[in-house]
C-alpha atoms as a PDB file:
ATOM      1  CA  MET A   1      65.601 161.045 -48.302  1.00  0.00           C
ATOM      2  CA  ARG A   2      63.738 157.926 -47.283  1.00  0.00           C
ATOM      3  CA  ALA A   3      65.886 155.760 -49.548  1.00  0.00           C
ATOM      4  CA  ARG A   4      69.083 157.011 -47.892  1.00  0.00           C
ATOM      5  CA  ARG A   5      67.794 155.900 -44.490  1.00  0.00           C
ATOM      6  CA  MET A   6      67.365 152.411 -45.907  1.00  0.00           C
ATOM      7  CA  TRP A   7      70.981 152.177 -47.150  1.00  0.00           C
ATOM      8  CA  PRO A   8      72.389 150.952 -43.807  1.00  0.00           C
ATOM      9  CA  THR A   9      69.675 148.272 -43.643  1.00  0.00           C
ATOM     10  CA  LYS A  10      70.333 147.190 -47.226  1.00  0.00           C
ATOM     11  CA  ASN A  11      74.063 147.180 -46.504  1.00  0.00           C
ATOM     12  CA  ILE A  12      73.521 144.849 -43.516  1.00  0.00           C
ATOM     13  CA  ILE A  13      71.426 142.488 -45.647  1.00  0.00           C
ATOM     14  CA  LEU A  14      74.018 142.473 -48.447  1.00  0.00           C
ATOM     15  CA  ALA A  15      76.870 141.997 -45.952  1.00  0.00           C
ATOM     16  CA  ASP A  16      75.030 138.956 -44.549  1.00  0.00           C
ATOM     17  CA  GLU A  17      74.614 137.604 -48.090  1.00  0.00           C
ATOM     18  CA  LEU A  18      78.333 138.113 -48.699  1.00  0.00           C
ATOM     19  CA  THR A  19      79.212 136.348 -45.439  1.00  0.00           C
ATOM     20  CA  SER A  20      77.070 133.319 -46.257  1.00  0.00           C
ATOM     21  CA  PHE A  21      77.949 133.247 -49.979  1.00  0.00           C
ATOM     22  CA  LYS A  22      78.974 129.779 -51.253  1.00  0.00           C
ATOM     23  CA  GLN A  23      79.616 128.152 -54.597  1.00  0.00           C
ATOM     24  CA  LEU A  24      76.658 125.984 -55.602  1.00  0.00           C
ATOM     25  CA  ASP A  25      77.123 122.252 -56.234  1.00  0.00           C
ATOM     26  CA  ASN A  26      76.975 122.382 -60.048  1.00  0.00           C
ATOM     27  CA  GLU A  27      78.304 125.913 -60.458  1.00  0.00           C
ATOM     28  CA  SER A  28      81.548 126.693 -62.278  1.00  0.00           C
ATOM     29  CA  ALA A  29      84.041 129.169 -60.837  1.00  0.00           C
ATOM     30  CA  ASN A  30      83.103 131.702 -63.546  1.00  0.00           C
ATOM     31  CA  ASP A  31      79.396 131.484 -62.703  1.00  0.00           C
ATOM     32  CA  MET A  32      80.125 131.726 -58.994  1.00  0.00           C
ATOM     33  CA  PHE A  33      82.335 134.770 -59.582  1.00  0.00           C
ATOM     34  CA  SER A  34      79.622 136.419 -61.661  1.00  0.00           C
ATOM     35  CA  HIS A  35      77.152 136.106 -58.769  1.00  0.00           C
ATOM     36  CA  LEU A  36      79.741 137.231 -56.222  1.00  0.00           C
ATOM     37  CA  ASN A  37      80.762 140.204 -58.363  1.00  0.00           C
ATOM     38  CA  THR A  38      77.138 141.366 -58.614  1.00  0.00           C
ATOM     39  CA  LEU A  39      76.823 141.227 -54.832  1.00  0.00           C
ATOM     40  CA  VAL A  40      80.112 143.087 -54.281  1.00  0.00           C
ATOM     41  CA  ASN A  41      79.105 145.791 -56.787  1.00  0.00           C
ATOM     42  CA  GLU A  42      75.807 146.304 -54.947  1.00  0.00           C
ATOM     43  CA  ILE A  43      77.661 146.729 -51.647  1.00  0.00           C
ATOM     44  CA  ASN A  44      80.244 149.083 -53.160  1.00  0.00           C
ATOM     45  CA  ASN A  45      77.573 151.156 -54.926  1.00  0.00           C
ATOM     46  CA  LEU A  46      75.875 151.903 -51.608  1.00  0.00           C
ATOM     47  CA  GLY A  47      79.039 153.742 -50.633  1.00  0.00           C
ATOM     48  CA  LEU A  48      78.925 152.704 -46.986  1.00  0.00           C
ATOM     49  CA  LYS A  49      81.721 150.140 -47.300  1.00  0.00           C
ATOM     50  CA  GLN A  50      84.096 149.314 -50.128  1.00  0.00           C
ATOM     51  CA  VAL A  51      84.951 145.641 -50.550  1.00  0.00           C
ATOM     52  CA  THR A  52      88.621 145.422 -51.575  1.00  0.00           C
ATOM     53  CA  ASN A  53      90.149 143.080 -54.156  1.00  0.00           C
ATOM     54  CA  GLY A  54      91.931 141.230 -51.348  1.00  0.00           C
ATOM     55  CA  GLU A  55      88.625 140.637 -49.544  1.00  0.00           C
ATOM     56  CA  VAL A  56      86.983 139.426 -52.760  1.00  0.00           C
ATOM     57  CA  ASN A  57      89.936 137.131 -53.501  1.00  0.00           C
ATOM     58  CA  ARG A  58      89.809 135.569 -50.040  1.00  0.00           C
ATOM     59  CA  LYS A  59      86.033 135.136 -50.341  1.00  0.00           C
ATOM     60  CA  ILE A  60      86.449 133.409 -53.713  1.00  0.00           C
ATOM     61  CA  ILE A  61      88.910 130.940 -52.203  1.00  0.00           C
ATOM     62  CA  ARG A  62      86.847 130.302 -49.055  1.00  0.00           C
ATOM     63  CA  CYS A  63      83.628 129.590 -50.909  1.00  0.00           C
ATOM     64  CA  LEU A  64      85.037 127.043 -53.386  1.00  0.00           C
ATOM     65  CA  ARG A  65      83.588 123.533 -53.087  1.00  0.00           C
ATOM     66  CA  LYS A  66      85.505 120.795 -51.320  1.00  0.00           C
ATOM     67  CA  PRO A  67      87.265 118.547 -52.329  1.00  0.00           C
ATOM     68  CA  ASP A  68      87.328 119.691 -55.978  1.00  0.00           C
ATOM     69  CA  TYR A  69      89.314 122.829 -55.241  1.00  0.00           C
ATOM     70  CA  ASP A  70      91.499 121.873 -52.253  1.00  0.00           C
ATOM     71  CA  ILE A  71      94.759 121.864 -54.254  1.00  0.00           C
ATOM     72  CA  ILE A  72      94.190 125.224 -55.913  1.00  0.00           C
ATOM     73  CA  LYS A  73      93.131 126.742 -52.576  1.00  0.00           C
ATOM     74  CA  ILE A  74      96.499 125.800 -51.087  1.00  0.00           C
ATOM     75  CA  VAL A  75      98.359 127.278 -54.069  1.00  0.00           C
ATOM     76  CA  LEU A  76      96.384 130.531 -54.037  1.00  0.00           C
ATOM     77  CA  LEU A  77      96.632 131.023 -50.273  1.00  0.00           C
ATOM     78  CA  LYS A  78     100.429 131.161 -50.637  1.00  0.00           C
ATOM     79  CA  GLU A  79     100.138 134.152 -52.992  1.00  0.00           C
ATOM     80  CA  ASP A  80      99.740 137.838 -52.141  1.00  0.00           C
ATOM     81  CA  LEU A  81      95.980 138.123 -52.580  1.00  0.00           C
ATOM     82  CA  ASP A  82      95.913 141.853 -51.832  1.00  0.00           C
ATOM     83  CA  ASN A  83      97.934 142.587 -54.969  1.00  0.00           C
ATOM     84  CA  LYS A  84      95.989 140.336 -57.343  1.00  0.00           C
ATOM     85  CA  THR A  85      92.768 141.212 -59.082  1.00  0.00           C
ATOM     86  CA  PRO A  86      89.776 138.898 -58.660  1.00  0.00           C
ATOM     87  CA  ASN A  87      90.023 138.159 -62.405  1.00  0.00           C
ATOM     88  CA  GLN A  88      93.571 136.857 -61.957  1.00  0.00           C
ATOM     89  CA  VAL A  89      92.415 134.572 -59.139  1.00  0.00           C
ATOM     90  CA  ILE A  90      89.408 133.321 -61.137  1.00  0.00           C
ATOM     91  CA  ASN A  91      91.570 132.677 -64.213  1.00  0.00           C
ATOM     92  CA  THR A  92      93.880 130.507 -62.092  1.00  0.00           C
ATOM     93  CA  ILE A  93      90.868 128.599 -60.740  1.00  0.00           C
ATOM     94  CA  VAL A  94      89.346 128.146 -64.217  1.00  0.00           C
ATOM     95  CA  ALA A  95      92.676 126.782 -65.499  1.00  0.00           C
ATOM     96  CA  HIS A  96      92.579 124.325 -62.581  1.00  0.00           C
ATOM     97  CA  GLU A  97      88.986 123.350 -63.487  1.00  0.00           C
ATOM     98  CA  TYR A  98      90.035 122.525 -67.040  1.00  0.00           C
ATOM     99  CA  SER A  99      93.153 120.617 -65.981  1.00  0.00           C
ATOM    100  CA  MET A 100      91.206 118.532 -63.449  1.00  0.00           C
ATOM    101  CA  GLY A 101      88.273 117.933 -65.800  1.00  0.00           C
ATOM    102  CA  ILE A 102      85.876 119.692 -63.421  1.00  0.00           C
ATOM    103  CA  ILE A 103      84.414 121.556 -66.388  1.00  0.00           C
ATOM    104  CA  LYS A 104      84.517 120.673 -70.050  1.00  0.00           C
ATOM    105  CA  GLN A 105      85.102 122.981 -72.987  1.00  0.00           C
ATOM    106  CA  GLU A 106      81.392 123.026 -73.824  1.00  0.00           C
ATOM    107  CA  SER A 107      81.208 126.662 -74.818  1.00  0.00           C
ATOM    108  CA  THR A 108      83.946 126.273 -77.437  1.00  0.00           C
ATOM    109  CA  SER A 109      82.455 123.151 -79.000  1.00  0.00           C
ATOM    110  CA  THR A 110      78.939 124.605 -78.902  1.00  0.00           C
ATOM    111  CA  SER A 111      80.016 127.782 -80.678  1.00  0.00           C
ATOM    112  CA  SER A 112      81.931 125.697 -83.237  1.00  0.00           C
ATOM    113  CA  GLN A 113      78.831 123.601 -83.895  1.00  0.00           C
ATOM    114  CA  LYS A 114      76.703 126.735 -84.295  1.00  0.00           C
ATOM    115  CA  SER A 115      79.255 128.206 -86.671  1.00  0.00           C
ATOM    116  CA  LEU A 116      79.283 125.000 -88.725  1.00  0.00           C
ATOM    117  CA  ALA A 117      75.484 124.951 -88.771  1.00  0.00           C
ATOM    118  CA  VAL A 118      75.408 128.516 -90.071  1.00  0.00           C
ATOM    119  CA  LYS A 119      77.958 127.690 -92.790  1.00  0.00           C
ATOM    120  CA  HIS A 120      75.989 124.604 -93.728  1.00  0.00           C
ATOM    121  CA  THR A 121      72.673 126.455 -94.050  1.00  0.00           C
ATOM    122  CA  CYS A 122      74.243 129.339 -95.957  1.00  0.00           C
ATOM    123  CA  LYS A 123      75.862 126.958 -98.421  1.00  0.00           C
ATOM    124  CA  HIS A 124      72.538 125.566 -99.640  1.00  0.00           C
ATOM    125  CA  GLN A 125      70.551 128.770 -99.899  1.00  0.00           C
ATOM    126  CA  PRO A 126      69.432 129.772-103.408  1.00  0.00           C
ATOM    127  CA  ARG A 127      71.400 132.485-105.146  1.00  0.00           C
END
């Protein structure tokens, strides 16, 4: 019973975190979305307020760093954000990051290097 009385307080704290949420200086859109999604899930799980996809989409766009994302913000704000999923919005932003060179394809090259390293070590093991 005591925990239920704390839900409104926790909801206020989480709502404040959501209001002040920003993308960090060296944070990719995917990482930012991961942190935002965790916060939104916590708020929704309390059951006092449900954050809609449209609200999440607008928050994603508002918290993107300037000037790196100004062009994509303009493009996305012209779309119907209430009928898009946050994943669709993030995928558009990630495509923009790649096209503008904001992020590199590190994860792909790293996994390729690991895969080559595994093949290389397996090749020389005794039979």
